[in-house]
Amino acid sequence: MRKLIILCTALMMIALMPAAMAITVDGHKSPGEWNEDWAYGQTQATDYDPNGPFGDRLVGRQGAFSFPTSDWYDEDPKDDSGASFDESMATLGPSDSGFDIKRGYFHYDTMTDTLYGLCSVYGIPGDLDGNNDIGSDCTNNGDCNGTAGPAGIGVGPDETWEVKATQSGTGEVWVLCNNNNHSVFNGIVLPYEDVDVKFASTGANPCYEIAIRNMTHYFDIGPCVPPIMIEVKAGGNRDVPGEDTTTAFVHFPCPDIEIVKYVQGNDGVWYDANTPATGPVMANGSDVDWRYVVTNTGDEPLKDVVVTDDQGVTVTCLQDTLDVGETMTCTAEGTVPDPCDPYGNVGYVEGVGVVSGITVTDDDPAHYRCPDVPALTPAGLMALIGILGMIGIVGMRRRD
């Protein structure tokens, strides 16, 4: 049974990954700004490890929300638009075209309640013909800077991007990016000022970056909630957005832990004795041993795992961390009193999610019983009556 015993605000409870360098929406993938490791929860990645480390880069699912597919990619395939579109996505010129999606990065910042996104492409952003120049020929596949908007000089007016986010298939946040500007429409009413976009085509590591603020106004943010799906669509001057489409998932940790306590009977059998009636019968003054089997049943690794006993029994564990799905056995020992008293104690476990910082606990009891007092047989009862009678007669004679 899960118990979340640290219940502060959802923003303080959830941290999807180790803190990255501060993200600046400027259209450049600066060194250290985005973590290259696979993001938390992206189990489809080729080399994803559910025990971390966790970064910002997400594995992408080919296609849009409405076209689910089992095709997952560490990097979106080059020039995969298909025959239904007018423009090639990769090699119209001597180098790669700059609106063919390559990698997606997303990071939710708990302190600012902001979802940051970055998309890198094959080639230079805005260079639709692959000639390494976005400003020389506005008639050739839309390669021109266009009018500078809030995003600054970058992608030309004939390259269009869409970014949509939804949770459990409801409530879409929809941002259309075009001509170095953005508009917000459909689904959830998202204020224009809650979005920043920046598309750079020059300088170091140019890319597409976006920030959506006040995420808790639009989505459930907290442990164990459904993931936020993010769909990115790119398109050129002859096609609408959708020529290249990929979907990524921002997952939220759901830590959990389980403890099962056992007591060993004098017969050597281990009993999961949750009630007195199911406990073993222990001999007076005999040794008694307990086992505490602890399992990480959540989806993130745990640290600071501690096992205790409500009767002050000393519990010994060989480790204090648990990877996803890992089990460890802790032990304790004691002595049955003489004469025996029926006994029950409860094992407690506590651990902290490495990713989320959430504390989870569980508990489980164990019991043992005492030998029954032997019942008198009819012959023994008659003998006892005779002895008591003789004691009575002797007493009466002494009084005489």
Protein backbone atom coordinates (compact mmCIF):
# COMPACT_ATOMS: atom_id res chain seq x y z
CA MET A 1 0.00 0.00 0.00
CA ARG A 2 1.41 3.34 -1.03
CA LYS A 3 1.55 6.16 1.47
CA LEU A 4 2.83 9.52 0.29
CA ILE A 5 3.83 10.98 3.61
CA ILE A 6 5.40 14.12 2.26
CA LEU A 7 2.43 16.04 0.91
CA CYS A 8 3.51 19.49 -0.10
CA THR A 9 2.42 21.20 -3.27
CA ALA A 10 2.63 19.22 -6.48
CA LEU A 11 5.33 21.50 -7.82
CA MET A 12 7.58 20.81 -4.88
CA MET A 13 6.92 17.08 -4.96
CA ILE A 14 7.77 16.49 -8.59
CA ALA A 15 11.17 16.89 -10.17
CA LEU A 16 11.30 14.89 -13.35
CA MET A 17 15.05 14.79 -13.62
CA PRO A 18 18.22 16.21 -12.14
CA ALA A 19 18.30 19.98 -12.47
CA ALA A 20 19.82 21.09 -15.73
CA MET A 21 21.58 24.36 -16.40
CA ALA A 22 19.09 27.22 -16.59
CA ILE A 23 17.29 27.06 -19.92
CA THR A 24 17.20 30.23 -22.00
CA VAL A 25 14.78 30.36 -24.91
CA ASP A 26 17.13 31.89 -27.47
CA GLY A 27 17.21 29.35 -30.31
CA HIS A 28 20.63 27.98 -29.33
CA LYS A 29 21.43 24.68 -27.67
CA SER A 30 24.07 25.97 -25.29
CA PRO A 31 26.61 23.66 -23.62
CA GLY A 32 25.12 22.10 -20.49
CA GLU A 33 21.71 23.65 -21.12
CA TRP A 34 20.08 20.36 -22.10
CA ASN A 35 20.98 16.96 -20.69
CA GLU A 36 21.74 14.37 -23.36
CA ASP A 37 20.68 11.36 -21.25
CA TRP A 38 17.31 9.75 -21.88
CA ALA A 39 14.47 11.39 -20.01
CA TYR A 40 12.57 9.77 -17.15
CA GLY A 41 9.98 7.21 -18.20
CA GLN A 42 11.04 6.81 -21.84
CA THR A 43 11.11 3.03 -21.72
CA GLN A 44 11.04 2.60 -25.50
CA ALA A 45 14.51 4.06 -26.03
CA THR A 46 17.17 1.65 -27.26
CA ASP A 47 19.51 2.14 -24.30
CA TYR A 48 17.04 3.50 -21.72
CA ASP A 49 17.76 2.40 -18.15
CA PRO A 50 14.77 2.73 -15.75
CA ASN A 51 17.26 3.31 -12.93
CA GLY A 52 18.80 6.38 -14.55
CA PRO A 53 20.57 8.62 -15.12
CA PHE A 54 17.68 10.72 -16.40
CA GLY A 55 18.10 13.65 -18.76
CA ASP A 56 16.01 15.93 -20.93
CA ARG A 57 16.11 14.24 -24.33
CA LEU A 58 13.06 12.15 -25.18
CA VAL A 59 12.59 9.22 -27.50
CA GLY A 60 10.09 10.09 -30.23
CA ARG A 61 7.08 8.19 -31.49
CA GLN A 62 6.58 8.57 -35.21
CA GLY A 63 3.28 10.25 -36.04
CA ALA A 64 0.69 12.51 -34.43
CA PHE A 65 -1.79 12.08 -31.56
CA SER A 66 -4.49 10.82 -33.89
CA PHE A 67 -2.23 8.24 -35.56
CA PRO A 68 -0.85 5.99 -32.83
CA THR A 69 2.02 3.79 -33.87
CA SER A 70 4.48 1.42 -32.29
CA ASP A 71 7.40 2.94 -34.22
CA TRP A 72 9.72 4.61 -31.69
CA TYR A 73 12.99 6.32 -32.58
CA ASP A 74 16.02 7.51 -30.65
CA GLU A 75 16.29 10.05 -33.45
CA ASP A 76 13.53 10.86 -35.90
CA PRO A 77 14.39 9.32 -39.30
CA LYS A 78 15.70 11.64 -41.98
CA ASP A 79 13.48 12.53 -44.94
CA ASP A 80 10.51 10.46 -43.79
CA SER A 81 7.65 12.65 -45.02
CA GLY A 82 6.43 10.14 -47.59
CA ALA A 83 4.88 10.55 -51.02
CA SER A 84 1.80 12.45 -49.83
CA PHE A 85 3.77 15.70 -49.39
CA ASP A 86 5.22 18.01 -52.00
CA GLU A 87 8.57 18.68 -50.37
CA SER A 88 11.44 16.43 -49.42
CA MET A 89 12.38 16.78 -45.78
CA ALA A 90 16.14 16.42 -46.04
CA THR A 91 18.21 16.86 -49.17
CA LEU A 92 16.82 19.43 -51.59
CA GLY A 93 20.27 21.03 -51.83
CA PRO A 94 23.92 20.23 -51.18
CA SER A 95 23.31 19.82 -47.43
CA ASP A 96 20.43 18.74 -45.20
CA SER A 97 17.23 20.73 -45.20
CA GLY A 98 16.59 22.48 -41.88
CA PHE A 99 12.99 21.54 -41.13
CA ASP A 100 13.43 17.77 -40.89
CA ILE A 101 13.00 16.91 -37.18
CA LYS A 102 15.98 15.13 -35.62
CA ARG A 103 15.75 15.17 -31.79
CA GLY A 104 13.24 16.39 -29.23
CA TYR A 105 14.03 17.70 -25.76
CA PHE A 106 11.51 18.63 -23.08
CA HIS A 107 12.00 19.63 -19.46
CA TYR A 108 9.42 20.57 -16.84
CA ASP A 109 10.82 23.05 -14.32
CA THR A 110 9.04 22.62 -10.98
CA MET A 111 10.22 25.93 -9.55
CA THR A 112 8.89 28.07 -12.41
CA ASP A 113 6.00 25.81 -13.48
CA THR A 114 7.30 25.98 -17.04
CA LEU A 115 7.56 23.36 -19.76
CA TYR A 116 10.62 23.94 -21.94
CA GLY A 117 11.06 22.34 -25.33
CA LEU A 118 13.81 22.14 -27.91
CA CYS A 119 13.83 20.59 -31.36
CA SER A 120 16.97 20.02 -33.33
CA VAL A 121 16.85 19.40 -37.08
CA TYR A 122 18.97 17.96 -39.83
CA GLY A 123 20.77 21.00 -41.19
CA ILE A 124 20.20 24.66 -40.34
CA PRO A 125 16.79 25.76 -39.01
CA GLY A 126 14.97 27.66 -41.74
CA ASP A 127 17.21 26.40 -44.55
CA LEU A 128 14.53 24.62 -46.55
CA ASP A 129 16.67 24.04 -49.66
CA GLY A 130 19.79 22.89 -47.83
CA ASN A 131 22.13 25.53 -49.27
CA ASN A 132 23.36 26.72 -45.84
CA ASP A 133 21.80 30.14 -46.39
CA ILE A 134 18.39 31.31 -45.20
CA GLY A 135 18.57 34.91 -46.37
CA SER A 136 19.71 34.96 -49.97
CA ASP A 137 16.65 33.86 -51.91
CA CYS A 138 13.14 34.33 -50.55
CA THR A 139 11.63 32.68 -53.59
CA ASN A 140 13.60 29.46 -53.28
CA ASN A 141 11.71 27.34 -50.79
CA GLY A 142 11.02 30.31 -48.55
CA ASP A 143 14.62 30.88 -47.44
CA CYS A 144 14.45 34.40 -46.07
CA ASN A 145 14.47 35.92 -42.61
CA GLY A 146 11.04 37.47 -42.90
CA THR A 147 9.70 40.06 -40.51
CA ALA A 148 11.22 39.95 -37.06
CA GLY A 149 8.65 39.15 -34.40
CA PRO A 150 8.93 38.47 -30.68
CA ALA A 151 11.15 35.52 -31.52
CA GLY A 152 13.66 37.70 -33.33
CA ILE A 153 15.37 37.03 -36.65
CA GLY A 154 15.23 33.34 -37.52
CA VAL A 155 12.90 31.13 -39.52
CA GLY A 156 11.43 32.56 -42.67
CA PRO A 157 7.71 33.12 -43.27
CA ASP A 158 7.29 29.95 -45.33
CA GLU A 159 8.34 27.49 -42.67
CA THR A 160 5.64 26.63 -40.14
CA TRP A 161 5.71 24.59 -36.95
CA GLU A 162 2.99 23.38 -34.62
CA VAL A 163 3.48 22.32 -31.02
CA LYS A 164 0.54 20.68 -29.23
CA ALA A 165 0.33 19.26 -25.72
CA THR A 166 -2.43 17.16 -24.19
CA GLN A 167 -2.99 14.90 -21.19
CA SER A 168 -5.16 11.78 -21.37
CA GLY A 169 -6.38 12.94 -24.78
CA THR A 170 -8.21 15.96 -23.41
CA GLY A 171 -7.47 19.66 -23.15
CA GLU A 172 -5.02 20.61 -25.89
CA VAL A 173 -2.54 23.47 -25.66
CA TRP A 174 -1.85 24.39 -29.28
CA VAL A 175 0.85 26.78 -30.48
CA LEU A 176 1.43 27.66 -34.13
CA CYS A 177 4.87 29.10 -34.94
CA ASN A 178 5.35 31.01 -38.17
CA ASN A 179 7.30 34.00 -39.50
CA ASN A 180 9.32 34.35 -36.28
CA ASN A 181 6.14 34.73 -34.26
CA HIS A 182 3.55 32.49 -32.66
CA SER A 183 -0.18 32.27 -32.20
CA VAL A 184 -2.23 30.26 -29.73
CA PHE A 185 -5.54 28.69 -30.70
CA ASN A 186 -7.96 25.79 -30.23
CA GLY A 187 -8.47 23.71 -27.12
CA ILE A 188 -7.36 25.32 -23.89
CA VAL A 189 -7.29 29.10 -23.95
CA LEU A 190 -3.58 29.75 -23.52
CA PRO A 191 -2.60 33.42 -23.09
CA TYR A 192 -0.14 34.66 -25.68
CA GLU A 193 2.18 35.92 -22.97
CA ASP A 194 2.45 32.41 -21.46
CA VAL A 195 4.47 31.28 -24.49
CA ASP A 196 7.98 32.14 -25.67
CA VAL A 197 9.39 30.90 -28.96
CA LYS A 198 12.77 31.46 -30.54
CA PHE A 199 14.14 30.11 -33.80
CA ALA A 200 17.77 30.84 -34.63
CA SER A 201 19.50 30.09 -37.90
CA THR A 202 22.98 31.37 -37.16
CA GLY A 203 25.49 31.00 -34.35
CA ALA A 204 26.35 27.96 -32.26
CA ASN A 205 23.95 24.98 -32.36
CA PRO A 206 20.91 26.79 -33.75
CA CYS A 207 17.58 25.12 -33.02
CA TYR A 208 13.92 25.69 -32.21
CA GLU A 209 13.09 26.45 -28.57
CA ILE A 210 9.80 27.06 -26.80
CA ALA A 211 8.61 27.72 -23.24
CA ILE A 212 5.03 27.32 -21.96
CA ARG A 213 4.47 28.87 -18.54
CA ASN A 214 1.83 28.18 -15.85
CA MET A 215 1.53 24.52 -16.76
CA THR A 216 -0.49 23.72 -13.62
CA HIS A 217 -3.25 25.96 -15.01
CA TYR A 218 -3.74 23.54 -17.89
CA PHE A 219 -2.54 20.10 -16.76
CA ASP A 220 -2.38 17.86 -13.70
CA ILE A 221 1.16 18.08 -12.37
CA GLY A 222 2.08 15.67 -9.61
CA PRO A 223 3.04 12.10 -8.79
CA CYS A 224 1.41 9.24 -10.68
CA VAL A 225 -0.63 11.44 -13.04
CA PRO A 226 -0.88 10.54 -16.76
CA PRO A 227 1.98 11.73 -18.98
CA ILE A 228 1.77 14.89 -21.04
CA MET A 229 1.91 14.08 -24.76
CA ILE A 230 3.69 16.64 -26.93
CA GLU A 231 3.25 16.62 -30.68
CA VAL A 232 5.62 18.52 -32.97
CA LYS A 233 4.78 19.10 -36.61
CA ALA A 234 6.95 20.74 -39.25
CA GLY A 235 6.04 21.91 -42.74
CA GLY A 236 7.42 23.97 -45.58
CA ASN A 237 6.12 26.52 -48.06
CA ARG A 238 4.15 24.00 -50.14
CA ASP A 239 2.67 21.93 -47.31
CA VAL A 240 0.89 22.60 -44.04
CA PRO A 241 2.51 21.49 -40.76
CA GLY A 242 2.48 17.73 -40.61
CA GLU A 243 5.02 16.96 -43.27
CA ASP A 244 7.26 15.73 -40.47
CA THR A 245 5.57 14.74 -37.21
CA THR A 246 6.78 13.20 -33.97
CA THR A 247 5.27 12.75 -30.50
CA ALA A 248 7.10 12.70 -27.16
CA PHE A 249 5.86 11.93 -23.66
CA VAL A 250 6.77 13.77 -20.47
CA HIS A 251 6.28 11.23 -17.68
CA PHE A 252 5.73 11.86 -13.97
CA PRO A 253 7.30 9.56 -11.37
CA CYS A 254 5.12 7.15 -9.42
CA PRO A 255 7.26 5.70 -6.60
CA ASP A 256 6.02 2.82 -4.47
CA ILE A 257 7.40 0.28 -2.00
CA GLU A 258 6.21 -2.97 -0.42
CA ILE A 259 7.26 -4.86 2.69
CA VAL A 260 6.25 -8.44 3.58
CA LYS A 261 7.22 -9.67 7.05
CA TYR A 262 7.75 -13.35 7.92
CA VAL A 263 8.37 -15.21 11.18
CA GLN A 264 10.16 -18.56 11.32
CA GLY A 265 8.52 -21.29 13.37
CA ASN A 266 10.33 -23.98 15.37
CA ASP A 267 9.62 -26.26 12.40
CA GLY A 268 11.88 -24.13 10.15
CA VAL A 269 8.98 -22.87 8.02
CA TRP A 270 8.62 -19.13 7.31
CA TYR A 271 5.10 -17.89 8.02
CA ASP A 272 3.50 -14.75 6.53
CA ALA A 273 1.51 -14.48 9.74
CA ASN A 274 -0.66 -11.39 9.32
CA THR A 275 -3.07 -12.58 12.04
CA PRO A 276 -2.45 -14.40 15.35
CA ALA A 277 -4.34 -17.44 14.07
CA THR A 278 -1.92 -17.87 11.14
CA GLY A 279 1.23 -17.62 13.25
CA PRO A 280 3.40 -20.58 14.21
CA VAL A 281 3.37 -22.12 17.70
CA MET A 282 6.65 -21.30 19.45
CA ALA A 283 8.19 -23.23 22.31
CA ASN A 284 8.91 -21.49 25.60
CA GLY A 285 12.35 -19.85 25.57
CA SER A 286 13.08 -20.75 21.93
CA ASP A 287 14.89 -18.53 19.42
CA VAL A 288 12.72 -16.64 16.92
CA ASP A 289 13.78 -15.07 13.60
CA TRP A 290 12.03 -12.56 11.33
CA ARG A 291 12.48 -11.65 7.68
CA TYR A 292 11.46 -8.36 6.09
CA VAL A 293 11.26 -8.68 2.29
CA VAL A 294 11.24 -5.21 0.70
CA THR A 295 10.52 -4.57 -3.00
CA ASN A 296 10.62 -1.41 -5.10
CA THR A 297 7.22 -1.73 -6.80
CA GLY A 298 7.25 1.78 -8.30
CA ASP A 299 8.76 3.07 -11.52
CA GLU A 300 11.74 5.01 -10.19
CA PRO A 301 14.74 3.98 -8.07
CA LEU A 302 14.61 4.55 -4.30
CA LYS A 303 17.22 5.82 -1.86
CA ASP A 304 17.39 6.17 1.95
CA VAL A 305 15.48 2.90 2.39
CA VAL A 306 15.11 2.14 6.12
CA VAL A 307 13.34 -0.81 7.80
CA THR A 308 12.22 -0.60 11.44
CA ASP A 309 10.07 -2.62 13.86
CA ASP A 310 7.38 -1.25 16.15
CA GLN A 311 8.56 -3.41 19.10
CA GLY A 312 12.10 -2.07 19.05
CA VAL A 313 13.54 -5.17 17.40
CA THR A 314 16.87 -4.41 15.72
CA VAL A 315 16.52 -4.91 11.95
CA THR A 316 19.60 -5.47 9.78
CA CYS A 317 19.61 -4.58 6.06
CA LEU A 318 22.59 -4.86 3.70
CA GLN A 319 21.69 -1.83 1.55
CA ASP A 320 19.64 1.36 1.59
CA THR A 321 18.88 1.75 -2.13
CA LEU A 322 16.54 -0.16 -4.42
CA ASP A 323 16.48 -0.10 -8.20
CA VAL A 324 13.17 -0.42 -10.02
CA GLY A 325 11.84 -3.93 -9.35
CA GLU A 326 14.69 -4.83 -6.99
CA THR A 327 14.07 -6.82 -3.79
CA MET A 328 16.15 -7.06 -0.62
CA THR A 329 15.74 -9.14 2.55
CA CYS A 330 16.36 -7.70 6.01
CA THR A 331 16.58 -9.81 9.16
CA ALA A 332 15.99 -9.64 12.91
CA GLU A 333 16.09 -12.12 15.79
CA GLY A 334 14.78 -12.52 19.32
CA THR A 335 13.82 -14.98 22.05
CA VAL A 336 10.40 -16.31 23.05
CA PRO A 337 9.73 -15.60 26.76
CA ASP A 338 9.38 -18.46 29.22
CA PRO A 339 6.52 -18.77 29.81
CA CYS A 340 5.49 -17.73 26.30
CA ASP A 341 3.21 -14.78 25.61
CA PRO A 342 1.33 -14.48 22.28
CA TYR A 343 3.26 -11.91 20.26
CA GLY A 344 2.86 -9.63 17.25
CA ASN A 345 5.12 -6.97 15.78
CA VAL A 346 4.95 -4.76 12.70
CA GLY A 347 7.69 -4.08 10.18
CA TYR A 348 7.86 -0.60 8.63
CA VAL A 349 9.76 0.51 5.54
CA GLU A 350 10.41 3.99 4.20
CA GLY A 351 12.19 5.13 1.04
CA VAL A 352 12.66 8.25 -1.07
CA GLY A 353 12.25 8.48 -4.85
CA VAL A 354 15.55 9.37 -6.51
CA VAL A 355 13.77 11.28 -9.30
CA SER A 356 10.81 12.82 -7.49
CA GLY A 357 12.02 13.18 -3.89
CA ILE A 358 8.72 11.69 -2.74
CA THR A 359 8.77 9.56 0.43
CA VAL A 360 6.83 6.28 0.33
CA THR A 361 6.15 3.82 3.15
CA ASP A 362 4.54 0.46 3.81
CA ASP A 363 4.04 -1.85 6.80
CA ASP A 364 3.23 -5.50 7.47
CA PRO A 365 2.70 -7.47 10.74
CA ALA A 366 3.80 -10.93 11.88
CA HIS A 367 2.56 -13.01 14.84
CA TYR A 368 3.39 -16.17 16.74
CA ARG A 369 1.40 -18.24 19.24
CA CYS A 370 2.21 -20.10 22.44
CA PRO A 371 1.81 -23.79 23.27
CA ASP A 372 -1.63 -24.73 24.58
CA VAL A 373 -1.94 -25.66 28.32
CA PRO A 374 -2.44 -29.47 28.39
CA ALA A 375 -6.03 -30.48 29.21
CA LEU A 376 -6.64 -33.05 32.04
CA THR A 377 -7.75 -36.53 31.04
CA PRO A 378 -10.68 -38.13 32.96
CA ALA A 379 -8.22 -40.29 34.89
CA GLY A 380 -6.06 -37.30 35.68
CA LEU A 381 -9.10 -35.33 36.78
CA MET A 382 -10.16 -38.16 39.19
CA ALA A 383 -6.64 -38.33 40.57
CA LEU A 384 -6.62 -34.56 41.13
CA ILE A 385 -9.96 -34.76 42.95
CA GLY A 386 -8.58 -37.56 45.13
CA ILE A 387 -5.48 -35.55 46.00
CA LEU A 388 -7.54 -32.50 46.86
CA GLY A 389 -9.84 -34.69 48.99
CA MET A 390 -6.93 -36.12 50.92
CA ILE A 391 -5.56 -32.62 51.50
CA GLY A 392 -8.98 -31.63 52.87
CA ILE A 393 -9.17 -34.65 55.24
CA VAL A 394 -5.67 -33.99 56.57
CA GLY A 395 -6.60 -30.39 57.20
CA MET A 396 -9.73 -31.32 59.11
CA ARG A 397 -7.84 -33.78 61.32
CA ARG A 398 -5.27 -31.11 62.18
CA ARG A 399 -8.03 -28.79 63.33
CA ASP A 400 -9.44 -31.55 65.59
